[in-house]
Each structure stands twice: as structure tokens, then as C-alpha cells.
Amino acid sequence: MSPVEDDDEQRRRPDAVQQTRLVAHVAGTRGQGGSIVNVSSLAARLGSAGEYVDYAASKGALDTFTIGLSKEVAAENVRVNAVRPGFIFTDFHALSGDPFRVSKLEGALPMGRGGTAEEVAEAILWLLSDNASYATGTFIDVAGGR
């Protein structure tokens, strides 16, 4: 294992969680409620053993946060949900060293293809919309059936 580096990114992560809690509180106090959609990952559910186990763990924490916060602010008419993208054609895998990872693995996915950022965005938009007015603490896996 490598040493943990003390950098600004590590210090900002807890701040992002606190900001989400603050946004939920402010939305609730304005009287009209609101909606928060966190972007997790299918890795949170699958564990990503041998690949991104640290990433999966952090997304698992985000899933737990989503569930807990959804219960805390539901009475204020604030909905908190999340999407869990699977293999999506973005720069994520390129940044981790394998820009063709989705293409290599898409044949093993039930739908036989990787997803697009637009498909993830559509799920987010639905969760933000009034059509999802009774959904809170809900997760949408946008993962091609994986």
C-alpha cells in the first residue's frame, strides 16, 4: 500500500458531504422542498475487487449517505436519490489508464454495450422531476443490466 497523501482533494471530500446536507436543509426551510441526486457507481454494489475497491468503498459510503439523508429531510419535502452508473463511455477509465476498458468489457454486459453519459443524465433528470415525486432514498442503476 502506498502512503496516504495529504492534499487539498482529500480535505474537500468531507466538505462536499457537508455542503449537500446544507443544501438539503436550506431547500427544506424554504418551504417548497427540493430534490438532490447523488452520482454513485455500480461499483458500490459490486465491490470492484481487484480493480477499484477503494473507489467502490467511497461510493458505498455515498449510498449510505443518500439513504440516511433521504430519511432526515423527507419531512421537509426534500427528496434525496442517487444513480449508479456502470460501464459508461466517459474519460473515467482513460484517467485510470485504460481508455478502451468499456469497449473491451461491453460484450460481457447483459445489454451487450456500454452506456452513454446522456443515458445517465436522463435518469438524473427523471429523479429531479415531479414524475419522481414519491421517490426518495432510491437508486437507479444505469448499468445495462449488470
Foldseek 3Di string as FASTA:
>chain_A
DDDDDDDPVVVCVVVVLVVVLVVQVVQLVVQPAFEAEAEAACCLVVCQPPHCNVSNVVSVVVLVSQLVSQVVRVVSQYAGEYEHEYFEQDCPVVVVPDNCVQVVCQCVALQSHHHYPVVVVVVVVCRRDCVVSVDHSYYHYNYRRD
